[in-house]
Amino acid sequence: MARAKASISDQAYATAITTGRHALVSDEPPALGGQDVGPAPYDLLLASLGSCTVITLKMYADRKGWPLVAAHVDLHHYKDGDRSKIERVLHLEGDLSDEQRARLADIAERTPVTLTLRNGADIDTTLSNEPPPRIPPVSYTEDELDEALEESFPASDAANLPQPRHSDRD
């Protein structure tokens, strides 16, 4: 079962998020009053769908012994009237047959996060009378953010990182 906590203080709109042993920051872009110190909420939604998609495809291909070398997904969220829409474009690397590629595209339609988004989720909101746990406010300087990124993604390793593929529709 997944769990997460999000907290915001007086630094608009940087939000501290914890989930399991992991911590991240979400924010809004400057055009919406934020500082852009982290992905916006819809960016996180797309990231969740994207990671679930490629993880599920890799697990399936591994189980079948298929030669899927890498899977990439480009996602785009937009509104069409009152309805949210997500475009998902898969890029599959490896010596896969047309049938295997078609099967992986079919599997992408049934990943856990895909099904949650398609089927919707009931959200029950309650108001607590208990004080929240003390969480320090989120406040980062540009140097601290650069240092954290360098620790997570060392520049010396940048050449070894797989480069994402983008659709022509960006």
N, C-alpha and C. Protein backbone atom coordinates (compact mmCIF):
# COMPACT_ATOMS: atom_id res chain seq x y z
N MET A 1 0.85 -1.17 0.00
CA MET A 1 0.00 0.00 0.00
C MET A 1 0.90 1.24 0.00
N ALA A 2 0.62 2.16 -0.89
CA ALA A 2 1.40 3.39 -1.01
C ALA A 2 0.94 4.42 0.03
N ARG A 3 1.91 5.20 0.52
CA ARG A 3 1.62 6.26 1.48
C ARG A 3 2.51 7.45 1.13
N ALA A 4 1.98 8.64 1.40
CA ALA A 4 2.77 9.87 1.19
C ALA A 4 2.25 10.94 2.13
N LYS A 5 3.13 11.89 2.42
CA LYS A 5 2.76 13.08 3.21
C LYS A 5 3.25 14.29 2.45
N ALA A 6 2.46 15.34 2.49
CA ALA A 6 2.86 16.60 1.85
C ALA A 6 2.61 17.73 2.84
N SER A 7 3.56 18.66 2.91
CA SER A 7 3.45 19.80 3.82
C SER A 7 3.93 21.06 3.12
N ILE A 8 3.23 22.15 3.40
CA ILE A 8 3.60 23.45 2.85
C ILE A 8 3.64 24.44 3.99
N SER A 9 4.54 25.42 3.89
CA SER A 9 4.61 26.45 4.93
C SER A 9 4.47 27.80 4.27
N ASP A 10 5.30 28.74 4.63
CA ASP A 10 5.12 30.10 4.15
C ASP A 10 5.90 30.40 2.87
N GLN A 11 6.60 29.44 2.31
CA GLN A 11 7.36 29.67 1.09
C GLN A 11 6.53 29.19 -0.10
N ALA A 12 5.82 30.12 -0.72
CA ALA A 12 4.89 29.77 -1.80
C ALA A 12 5.65 29.22 -2.99
N TYR A 13 5.27 28.13 -3.53
CA TYR A 13 4.35 27.09 -3.10
C TYR A 13 5.11 25.79 -2.91
N ALA A 14 6.34 25.92 -2.50
CA ALA A 14 7.21 24.75 -2.31
C ALA A 14 6.59 23.81 -1.28
N THR A 15 6.47 22.56 -1.67
CA THR A 15 5.83 21.55 -0.84
C THR A 15 6.79 20.40 -0.57
N ALA A 16 6.99 20.08 0.69
CA ALA A 16 7.82 18.94 1.08
C ALA A 16 6.97 17.69 1.02
N ILE A 17 7.48 16.69 0.33
CA ILE A 17 6.76 15.43 0.17
C ILE A 17 7.65 14.31 0.67
N THR A 18 7.07 13.42 1.47
CA THR A 18 7.78 12.21 1.86
C THR A 18 6.91 11.02 1.50
N THR A 19 7.57 9.98 1.05
CA THR A 19 6.90 8.73 0.75
C THR A 19 7.91 7.62 1.03
N GLY A 20 7.60 6.81 2.02
CA GLY A 20 8.56 5.80 2.44
C GLY A 20 9.84 6.48 2.92
N ARG A 21 10.98 6.04 2.41
CA ARG A 21 12.27 6.61 2.78
C ARG A 21 12.67 7.77 1.86
N HIS A 22 11.80 8.18 0.98
CA HIS A 22 12.14 9.15 -0.05
C HIS A 22 11.52 10.51 0.23
N ALA A 23 12.26 11.55 -0.12
CA ALA A 23 11.77 12.92 0.04
C ALA A 23 11.96 13.67 -1.27
N LEU A 24 11.02 14.50 -1.59
CA LEU A 24 11.11 15.33 -2.77
C LEU A 24 10.35 16.62 -2.54
N VAL A 25 10.51 17.54 -3.46
CA VAL A 25 9.86 18.84 -3.37
C VAL A 25 9.02 19.05 -4.61
N SER A 26 7.83 19.56 -4.41
CA SER A 26 6.96 19.95 -5.51
C SER A 26 6.75 21.45 -5.43
N ASP A 27 6.44 22.08 -6.52
CA ASP A 27 6.24 23.53 -6.54
C ASP A 27 5.44 23.88 -7.78
N GLU A 28 5.11 25.13 -7.89
CA GLU A 28 4.46 25.67 -9.07
C GLU A 28 5.47 26.53 -9.81
N PRO A 29 5.27 26.73 -11.10
CA PRO A 29 6.18 27.61 -11.84
C PRO A 29 5.95 29.07 -11.44
N PRO A 30 6.92 29.94 -11.73
CA PRO A 30 6.76 31.36 -11.38
C PRO A 30 5.49 32.00 -11.95
N ALA A 31 5.06 31.55 -13.11
CA ALA A 31 3.84 32.11 -13.71
C ALA A 31 2.61 31.89 -12.83
N LEU A 32 2.67 30.88 -11.94
CA LEU A 32 1.56 30.60 -11.03
C LEU A 32 1.90 31.00 -9.60
N GLY A 33 2.98 31.77 -9.41
CA GLY A 33 3.33 32.26 -8.08
C GLY A 33 4.33 31.42 -7.33
N GLY A 34 4.82 30.34 -7.92
CA GLY A 34 5.79 29.49 -7.26
C GLY A 34 7.21 29.88 -7.61
N GLN A 35 8.14 29.04 -7.16
CA GLN A 35 9.57 29.28 -7.40
C GLN A 35 10.17 28.24 -8.33
N ASP A 36 9.39 27.26 -8.74
CA ASP A 36 9.84 26.22 -9.65
C ASP A 36 11.02 25.43 -9.08
N VAL A 37 10.98 25.11 -7.76
CA VAL A 37 12.05 24.34 -7.13
C VAL A 37 11.79 22.83 -7.19
N GLY A 38 10.71 22.44 -7.84
CA GLY A 38 10.38 21.04 -8.00
C GLY A 38 9.29 20.90 -9.02
N PRO A 39 8.99 19.68 -9.40
CA PRO A 39 7.92 19.46 -10.38
C PRO A 39 6.57 19.90 -9.83
N ALA A 40 5.72 20.38 -10.73
CA ALA A 40 4.36 20.77 -10.37
C ALA A 40 3.51 19.50 -10.18
N PRO A 41 2.37 19.61 -9.52
CA PRO A 41 1.55 18.42 -9.25
C PRO A 41 1.21 17.59 -10.49
N TYR A 42 0.83 18.21 -11.59
CA TYR A 42 0.52 17.41 -12.78
C TYR A 42 1.77 16.77 -13.36
N ASP A 43 2.92 17.41 -13.20
CA ASP A 43 4.17 16.78 -13.63
C ASP A 43 4.43 15.51 -12.83
N LEU A 44 4.15 15.56 -11.53
CA LEU A 44 4.31 14.37 -10.69
C LEU A 44 3.33 13.27 -11.09
N LEU A 45 2.12 13.66 -11.44
CA LEU A 45 1.13 12.68 -11.91
C LEU A 45 1.64 11.98 -13.17
N LEU A 46 2.15 12.76 -14.12
CA LEU A 46 2.69 12.17 -15.35
C LEU A 46 3.91 11.30 -15.04
N ALA A 47 4.76 11.76 -14.11
CA ALA A 47 5.92 10.97 -13.73
C ALA A 47 5.50 9.62 -13.14
N SER A 48 4.45 9.62 -12.34
CA SER A 48 3.95 8.36 -11.77
C SER A 48 3.44 7.43 -12.86
N LEU A 49 2.67 7.96 -13.77
CA LEU A 49 2.17 7.15 -14.87
C LEU A 49 3.32 6.64 -15.74
N GLY A 50 4.27 7.50 -16.02
CA GLY A 50 5.40 7.10 -16.86
C GLY A 50 6.25 6.03 -16.21
N SER A 51 6.57 6.20 -14.94
CA SER A 51 7.41 5.20 -14.27
C SER A 51 6.67 3.88 -14.14
N CYS A 52 5.39 3.91 -13.83
CA CYS A 52 4.61 2.67 -13.74
C CYS A 52 4.58 1.98 -15.10
N THR A 53 4.44 2.76 -16.16
CA THR A 53 4.38 2.19 -17.51
C THR A 53 5.67 1.46 -17.85
N VAL A 54 6.81 2.14 -17.73
CA VAL A 54 8.07 1.50 -18.16
C VAL A 54 8.48 0.37 -17.22
N ILE A 55 8.21 0.51 -15.92
CA ILE A 55 8.51 -0.58 -14.99
C ILE A 55 7.69 -1.82 -15.34
N THR A 56 6.39 -1.64 -15.59
CA THR A 56 5.52 -2.76 -15.92
C THR A 56 5.97 -3.42 -17.23
N LEU A 57 6.32 -2.61 -18.24
CA LEU A 57 6.77 -3.18 -19.51
C LEU A 57 8.06 -3.98 -19.33
N LYS A 58 8.99 -3.44 -18.55
CA LYS A 58 10.25 -4.14 -18.31
C LYS A 58 10.02 -5.44 -17.56
N MET A 59 9.17 -5.41 -16.53
CA MET A 59 8.86 -6.63 -15.78
C MET A 59 8.26 -7.70 -16.69
N TYR A 60 7.31 -7.28 -17.53
CA TYR A 60 6.63 -8.22 -18.42
C TYR A 60 7.63 -8.82 -19.42
N ALA A 61 8.43 -7.96 -20.04
CA ALA A 61 9.41 -8.44 -21.02
C ALA A 61 10.43 -9.37 -20.37
N ASP A 62 10.89 -9.01 -19.17
CA ASP A 62 11.84 -9.87 -18.46
C ASP A 62 11.23 -11.24 -18.18
N ARG A 63 9.98 -11.25 -17.73
CA ARG A 63 9.30 -12.51 -17.41
C ARG A 63 9.15 -13.39 -18.65
N LYS A 64 8.90 -12.75 -19.80
CA LYS A 64 8.74 -13.49 -21.05
C LYS A 64 10.07 -13.81 -21.74
N GLY A 65 11.16 -13.22 -21.23
CA GLY A 65 12.45 -13.43 -21.87
C GLY A 65 12.59 -12.68 -23.18
N TRP A 66 11.86 -11.59 -23.33
CA TRP A 66 11.90 -10.80 -24.57
C TRP A 66 13.07 -9.82 -24.54
N PRO A 67 13.63 -9.49 -25.70
CA PRO A 67 14.81 -8.63 -25.77
C PRO A 67 14.49 -7.12 -25.71
N LEU A 68 13.75 -6.71 -24.70
CA LEU A 68 13.49 -5.28 -24.50
C LEU A 68 14.72 -4.68 -23.84
N VAL A 69 15.45 -3.86 -24.58
CA VAL A 69 16.67 -3.25 -24.07
C VAL A 69 16.34 -2.04 -23.21
N ALA A 70 15.39 -1.23 -23.66
CA ALA A 70 14.98 -0.03 -22.92
C ALA A 70 13.57 0.34 -23.35
N ALA A 71 12.87 1.00 -22.43
CA ALA A 71 11.54 1.52 -22.73
C ALA A 71 11.50 2.97 -22.28
N HIS A 72 10.96 3.81 -23.11
CA HIS A 72 10.83 5.23 -22.81
C HIS A 72 9.38 5.61 -23.07
N VAL A 73 8.90 6.59 -22.34
CA VAL A 73 7.53 7.05 -22.56
C VAL A 73 7.50 8.57 -22.48
N ASP A 74 6.87 9.19 -23.46
CA ASP A 74 6.62 10.63 -23.45
C ASP A 74 5.17 10.84 -23.08
N LEU A 75 4.92 11.75 -22.15
CA LEU A 75 3.56 12.00 -21.68
C LEU A 75 3.23 13.48 -21.77
N HIS A 76 1.97 13.76 -22.06
CA HIS A 76 1.51 15.13 -22.15
C HIS A 76 0.09 15.20 -21.58
N HIS A 77 -0.09 16.04 -20.58
CA HIS A 77 -1.42 16.26 -19.99
C HIS A 77 -1.97 17.57 -20.51
N TYR A 78 -3.24 17.57 -20.87
CA TYR A 78 -3.91 18.80 -21.30
C TYR A 78 -5.40 18.68 -21.01
N LYS A 79 -6.08 19.79 -21.11
CA LYS A 79 -7.53 19.81 -20.90
C LYS A 79 -8.22 19.90 -22.25
N ASP A 80 -9.28 19.16 -22.40
CA ASP A 80 -10.14 19.22 -23.58
C ASP A 80 -11.53 19.53 -23.05
N GLY A 81 -11.84 20.83 -22.98
CA GLY A 81 -13.07 21.25 -22.31
C GLY A 81 -12.94 21.01 -20.83
N ASP A 82 -13.87 20.28 -20.25
CA ASP A 82 -13.83 19.95 -18.82
C ASP A 82 -13.09 18.65 -18.55
N ARG A 83 -12.64 17.99 -19.58
CA ARG A 83 -12.04 16.65 -19.43
C ARG A 83 -10.53 16.72 -19.52
N SER A 84 -9.84 16.02 -18.59
CA SER A 84 -8.39 15.88 -18.67
C SER A 84 -8.05 14.80 -19.67
N LYS A 85 -6.99 15.03 -20.42
CA LYS A 85 -6.51 14.04 -21.40
C LYS A 85 -5.02 13.86 -21.19
N ILE A 86 -4.55 12.64 -21.40
CA ILE A 86 -3.13 12.33 -21.33
C ILE A 86 -2.76 11.60 -22.61
N GLU A 87 -1.77 12.13 -23.31
CA GLU A 87 -1.20 11.44 -24.47
C GLU A 87 0.03 10.69 -23.97
N ARG A 88 0.14 9.43 -24.38
CA ARG A 88 1.29 8.61 -23.98
C ARG A 88 1.88 8.00 -25.26
N VAL A 89 3.16 8.23 -25.48
CA VAL A 89 3.86 7.69 -26.64
C VAL A 89 4.98 6.78 -26.14
N LEU A 90 4.94 5.52 -26.54
CA LEU A 90 5.95 4.54 -26.13
C LEU A 90 7.06 4.46 -27.17
N HIS A 91 8.29 4.34 -26.68
CA HIS A 91 9.46 4.12 -27.52
C HIS A 91 10.14 2.87 -26.95
N LEU A 92 10.13 1.80 -27.72
CA LEU A 92 10.68 0.53 -27.26
C LEU A 92 11.95 0.21 -28.02
N GLU A 93 13.02 -0.11 -27.30
CA GLU A 93 14.29 -0.47 -27.90
C GLU A 93 14.54 -1.95 -27.72
N GLY A 94 15.06 -2.57 -28.73
CA GLY A 94 15.39 -3.98 -28.68
C GLY A 94 14.90 -4.67 -29.92
N ASP A 95 15.38 -5.87 -30.13
CA ASP A 95 15.02 -6.65 -31.31
C ASP A 95 13.69 -7.37 -31.05
N LEU A 96 12.63 -6.58 -30.99
CA LEU A 96 11.30 -7.10 -30.69
C LEU A 96 10.52 -7.33 -31.98
N SER A 97 9.74 -8.39 -32.01
CA SER A 97 8.88 -8.64 -33.17
C SER A 97 7.70 -7.67 -33.13
N ASP A 98 7.00 -7.56 -34.23
CA ASP A 98 5.81 -6.70 -34.28
C ASP A 98 4.77 -7.18 -33.26
N GLU A 99 4.67 -8.49 -33.10
CA GLU A 99 3.71 -9.04 -32.14
C GLU A 99 4.10 -8.69 -30.71
N GLN A 100 5.40 -8.76 -30.39
CA GLN A 100 5.86 -8.40 -29.05
C GLN A 100 5.64 -6.92 -28.78
N ARG A 101 5.92 -6.08 -29.75
CA ARG A 101 5.71 -4.63 -29.60
C ARG A 101 4.22 -4.34 -29.37
N ALA A 102 3.36 -4.99 -30.13
CA ALA A 102 1.91 -4.79 -29.98
C ALA A 102 1.45 -5.26 -28.60
N ARG A 103 2.00 -6.38 -28.14
CA ARG A 103 1.62 -6.90 -26.82
C ARG A 103 2.07 -5.95 -25.71
N LEU A 104 3.27 -5.38 -25.84
CA LEU A 104 3.75 -4.41 -24.84
C LEU A 104 2.89 -3.15 -24.85
N ALA A 105 2.46 -2.71 -26.02
CA ALA A 105 1.55 -1.55 -26.08
C ALA A 105 0.23 -1.88 -25.40
N ASP A 106 -0.24 -3.12 -25.57
CA ASP A 106 -1.47 -3.56 -24.91
C ASP A 106 -1.28 -3.61 -23.40
N ILE A 107 -0.13 -4.09 -22.94
CA ILE A 107 0.17 -4.15 -21.51
C ILE A 107 0.20 -2.74 -20.93
N ALA A 108 0.72 -1.77 -21.67
CA ALA A 108 0.77 -0.38 -21.19
C ALA A 108 -0.62 0.15 -20.87
N GLU A 109 -1.61 -0.35 -21.57
CA GLU A 109 -2.99 0.09 -21.33
C GLU A 109 -3.57 -0.45 -20.03
N ARG A 110 -2.86 -1.41 -19.41
CA ARG A 110 -3.39 -2.04 -18.20
C ARG A 110 -2.43 -2.00 -17.03
N THR A 111 -1.53 -1.01 -16.99
CA THR A 111 -0.65 -0.88 -15.83
C THR A 111 -1.48 -0.43 -14.63
N PRO A 112 -1.00 -0.67 -13.42
CA PRO A 112 -1.78 -0.28 -12.24
C PRO A 112 -2.16 1.21 -12.20
N VAL A 113 -1.22 2.09 -12.49
CA VAL A 113 -1.54 3.53 -12.44
C VAL A 113 -2.48 3.90 -13.58
N THR A 114 -2.29 3.29 -14.75
CA THR A 114 -3.22 3.54 -15.86
C THR A 114 -4.64 3.19 -15.45
N LEU A 115 -4.81 2.02 -14.86
CA LEU A 115 -6.15 1.58 -14.46
C LEU A 115 -6.73 2.47 -13.37
N THR A 116 -5.90 2.92 -12.43
CA THR A 116 -6.38 3.82 -11.39
C THR A 116 -6.89 5.12 -12.01
N LEU A 117 -6.12 5.67 -12.94
CA LEU A 117 -6.55 6.92 -13.58
C LEU A 117 -7.80 6.71 -14.42
N ARG A 118 -7.87 5.61 -15.14
CA ARG A 118 -9.05 5.35 -15.98
C ARG A 118 -10.30 5.08 -15.15
N ASN A 119 -10.14 4.32 -14.08
CA ASN A 119 -11.30 3.95 -13.26
C ASN A 119 -11.65 4.98 -12.20
N GLY A 120 -10.72 5.89 -11.94
CA GLY A 120 -10.94 6.85 -10.87
C GLY A 120 -10.65 6.21 -9.53
N ALA A 121 -10.54 7.03 -8.54
CA ALA A 121 -10.29 6.54 -7.18
C ALA A 121 -11.17 7.32 -6.22
N ASP A 122 -11.75 6.63 -5.27
CA ASP A 122 -12.52 7.31 -4.24
C ASP A 122 -11.55 8.01 -3.31
N ILE A 123 -11.80 9.26 -3.01
CA ILE A 123 -10.96 10.02 -2.10
C ILE A 123 -11.82 10.46 -0.93
N ASP A 124 -11.47 9.98 0.26
CA ASP A 124 -12.18 10.35 1.48
C ASP A 124 -11.32 11.35 2.23
N THR A 125 -11.85 12.52 2.47
CA THR A 125 -11.12 13.58 3.18
C THR A 125 -11.72 13.77 4.55
N THR A 126 -10.86 13.79 5.57
CA THR A 126 -11.29 14.08 6.93
C THR A 126 -10.44 15.22 7.46
N LEU A 127 -10.94 15.90 8.45
CA LEU A 127 -10.23 17.00 9.09
C LEU A 127 -9.79 16.54 10.48
N SER A 128 -8.49 16.60 10.74
CA SER A 128 -7.95 16.14 12.01
C SER A 128 -8.01 17.27 13.04
N ASN A 129 -8.24 16.91 14.28
CA ASN A 129 -8.17 17.86 15.38
C ASN A 129 -6.81 17.79 16.08
N GLU A 130 -5.96 16.88 15.62
CA GLU A 130 -4.63 16.70 16.21
C GLU A 130 -3.65 17.66 15.54
N PRO A 131 -2.66 18.15 16.29
CA PRO A 131 -1.64 18.97 15.65
C PRO A 131 -0.80 18.12 14.71
N PRO A 132 -0.35 18.69 13.61
CA PRO A 132 0.46 17.91 12.68
C PRO A 132 1.84 17.64 13.27
N PRO A 133 2.50 16.61 12.77
CA PRO A 133 3.88 16.39 13.21
C PRO A 133 4.73 17.57 12.77
N ARG A 134 5.71 17.89 13.55
CA ARG A 134 6.58 19.03 13.25
C ARG A 134 7.46 18.69 12.05
N ILE A 135 7.25 19.40 10.97
CA ILE A 135 8.05 19.23 9.77
C ILE A 135 8.70 20.56 9.48
N PRO A 136 10.02 20.59 9.33
CA PRO A 136 10.67 21.87 9.05
C PRO A 136 10.18 22.45 7.73
N PRO A 137 10.06 23.77 7.66
CA PRO A 137 9.60 24.39 6.42
C PRO A 137 10.58 24.13 5.27
N VAL A 138 10.05 24.10 4.07
CA VAL A 138 10.86 23.88 2.89
C VAL A 138 11.46 25.21 2.48
N SER A 139 12.77 25.27 2.43
CA SER A 139 13.46 26.48 2.01
C SER A 139 14.82 26.08 1.44
N TYR A 140 15.02 26.31 0.18
CA TYR A 140 16.25 25.92 -0.48
C TYR A 140 16.84 27.10 -1.22
N THR A 141 18.15 27.25 -1.12
CA THR A 141 18.84 28.24 -1.93
C THR A 141 19.20 27.59 -3.26
N GLU A 142 19.51 28.39 -4.24
CA GLU A 142 19.89 27.87 -5.55
C GLU A 142 21.12 26.97 -5.43
N ASP A 143 22.08 27.35 -4.58
CA ASP A 143 23.29 26.53 -4.38
C ASP A 143 22.95 25.17 -3.77
N GLU A 144 22.02 25.15 -2.81
CA GLU A 144 21.63 23.88 -2.19
C GLU A 144 20.96 22.96 -3.21
N LEU A 145 20.12 23.54 -4.07
CA LEU A 145 19.48 22.73 -5.10
C LEU A 145 20.49 22.19 -6.09
N ASP A 146 21.45 23.04 -6.50
CA ASP A 146 22.49 22.59 -7.42
C ASP A 146 23.33 21.47 -6.80
N GLU A 147 23.66 21.61 -5.51
CA GLU A 147 24.44 20.59 -4.82
C GLU A 147 23.67 19.27 -4.73
N ALA A 148 22.39 19.34 -4.42
CA ALA A 148 21.57 18.13 -4.33
C ALA A 148 21.48 17.44 -5.69
N LEU A 149 21.32 18.22 -6.75
CA LEU A 149 21.26 17.64 -8.08
C LEU A 149 22.59 17.00 -8.45
N GLU A 150 23.69 17.66 -8.11
CA GLU A 150 25.01 17.13 -8.42
C GLU A 150 25.25 15.81 -7.69
N GLU A 151 24.79 15.71 -6.43
CA GLU A 151 24.94 14.47 -5.67
C GLU A 151 24.11 13.35 -6.29
N SER A 152 22.91 13.69 -6.75
CA SER A 152 22.03 12.69 -7.34
C SER A 152 22.42 12.32 -8.75
N PHE A 153 22.89 13.30 -9.51
CA PHE A 153 23.23 13.09 -10.91
C PHE A 153 24.59 13.71 -11.20
N PRO A 154 25.68 13.05 -10.81
CA PRO A 154 27.02 13.62 -11.01
C PRO A 154 27.27 13.94 -12.47
N ALA A 155 27.85 15.10 -12.72
CA ALA A 155 28.13 15.54 -14.08
C ALA A 155 29.03 14.56 -14.80
N SER A 156 29.94 13.92 -14.06
CA SER A 156 30.84 12.96 -14.70
C SER A 156 30.11 11.76 -15.27
N ASP A 157 28.91 11.49 -14.76
CA ASP A 157 28.13 10.35 -15.24
C ASP A 157 27.13 10.75 -16.32
N ALA A 158 27.01 12.03 -16.63
CA ALA A 158 25.99 12.50 -17.56
C ALA A 158 26.11 11.83 -18.92
N ALA A 159 27.32 11.58 -19.37
CA ALA A 159 27.50 10.96 -20.68
C ALA A 159 26.99 9.53 -20.71
N ASN A 160 26.91 8.89 -19.56
CA ASN A 160 26.46 7.51 -19.50
C ASN A 160 24.96 7.36 -19.33
N LEU A 161 24.25 8.47 -19.11
CA LEU A 161 22.81 8.39 -18.90
C LEU A 161 22.10 8.20 -20.23
N PRO A 162 21.07 7.34 -20.28
CA PRO A 162 20.31 7.21 -21.51
C PRO A 162 19.56 8.51 -21.78
N GLN A 163 19.56 8.92 -23.01
CA GLN A 163 18.88 10.16 -23.37
C GLN A 163 17.44 9.85 -23.74
N PRO A 164 16.48 10.60 -23.20
CA PRO A 164 15.08 10.34 -23.52
C PRO A 164 14.79 10.69 -24.97
N ARG A 165 13.85 10.00 -25.52
CA ARG A 165 13.39 10.30 -26.86
C ARG A 165 12.11 11.10 -26.73
N HIS A 166 11.94 12.04 -27.61
CA HIS A 166 10.76 12.89 -27.55
C HIS A 166 9.95 12.72 -28.83
N SER A 167 8.65 12.81 -28.68
CA SER A 167 7.81 12.71 -29.86
C SER A 167 7.88 14.00 -30.64
N ASP A 168 7.48 13.96 -31.87
CA ASP A 168 7.48 15.15 -32.71
C ASP A 168 6.38 16.13 -32.30
N ARG A 169 5.50 15.72 -31.38
CA ARG A 169 4.37 16.57 -30.99
C ARG A 169 4.68 17.51 -29.86
N ASP A 170 5.93 17.53 -29.33
CA ASP A 170 6.29 18.41 -28.20
C ASP A 170 6.20 19.86 -28.59
